[in-house]
Amino acid sequence: MKINFQMPPRAVKHYETWIGERELADLAVAAEDAGFDAVSMTDHPFPSDDWLAVGGHHSFDPFVALSFMAARTSRIRMLTNLVIAAYRNPYLAAKSVASLDLLSGGRLTLGLGAGYQAAEFSALGAEFEDRGRRFDAAMEAMRAAWSGETVTVTEGYFPAHGHTALPRPAQRPHPPVWIGGNSGRARRRAAQHADGWMPFQQPPAQAAITGTDALTTLEELAERVAELDRMRLESGRPDPLDVCFAPHGLGSSEQLIGFLEERSRTCAEAGVTWITWESKARSVDQCLADIAAVGTHLRRTRSAEAQPAGGVRR
């Protein structure tokens, strides 16, 4: 099971106080040293006050923030969690993706979502009502740009008449694309067009706010992964998807460690390959302590898994 450290979005509102004398990249360095496999950043360029008042959060620009993290690390992957496809012209997004992937040495995973904040769409000049169709068109446009060849699109949402984008991403043909969201449409999109699915646990009350399906148990998750696998086979893509699951209520290192000890096997059986964890620490020092504690658990667990069945390795 791989672990993704989510930069605490609640810390952004009080970032200067929260980070103190440290730097954002210190979190990525600590996560890499602890054995985490990725670090991620959310995407809310201009959230509405109404949404912020009911639990919404701010965010750094994910490409800018992850570039700072990539510059100080060498192994850990950079994950966008999630970039909302419609918030940016796809050719501009493709340029950001290719730049970060190349300059990080091929360490970017692109998490994409359709989005649900109608007010934020409006403020950014993005279309909300047909965001699903625009999402699919944007993915096609980005893939065309990443080819490094001349792009000519004569119809649809994103026409182009002889344009080329260089440099190409380091990963070929492009970085892994993961689709976020619990809905059936998100799963179909992941099965047919992507390399991973990013579900998150949420009760029905929260689902009413986010506008996507509730997901409360690992049993429900297993059923949806199985359905996704069937759709993938039907689409002629038999290779398995990564499934990056964000459990609810794991705000401390103790809670994450307990979850891993008790539920990691069940998660793996459900098809989960990654777990996303967000520390709720109220200061960067506490957050770093949480990361270190998880790292101790990861080293102990992975060392035990590496031992041969008969006992101590010689």
Foldseek 3Di string as FASTA:
>chain_A
DAEEEEEFQQCVVVVCFFAPPHDLLVLLVLLVVLPHAAYEWEDQPDADPVVVVVPDGDTDHGLVSVLSNLVVDQGHAYEYPAAALQLDQLLVVLLSQQVSQAVSVNRYEHEYELFDRPVSCVVSVGDNPPSLVVSVVSLVVSLVQLQQAFDADDDDDHGDHTDHDDDHGNDPPGHFYEYEADAPSSLLCCLQPGQAYEYEADDPVVCVVRVGDHDHDLVVLLVSLVVSCVSNVVNVRNDHHAYEYEYPDQQALVSVLVCCVPCVVSNVVSVHDYYYYYHPDSHVVRVSVRSNSNSVSVVVVVVVVPADPVDHDD
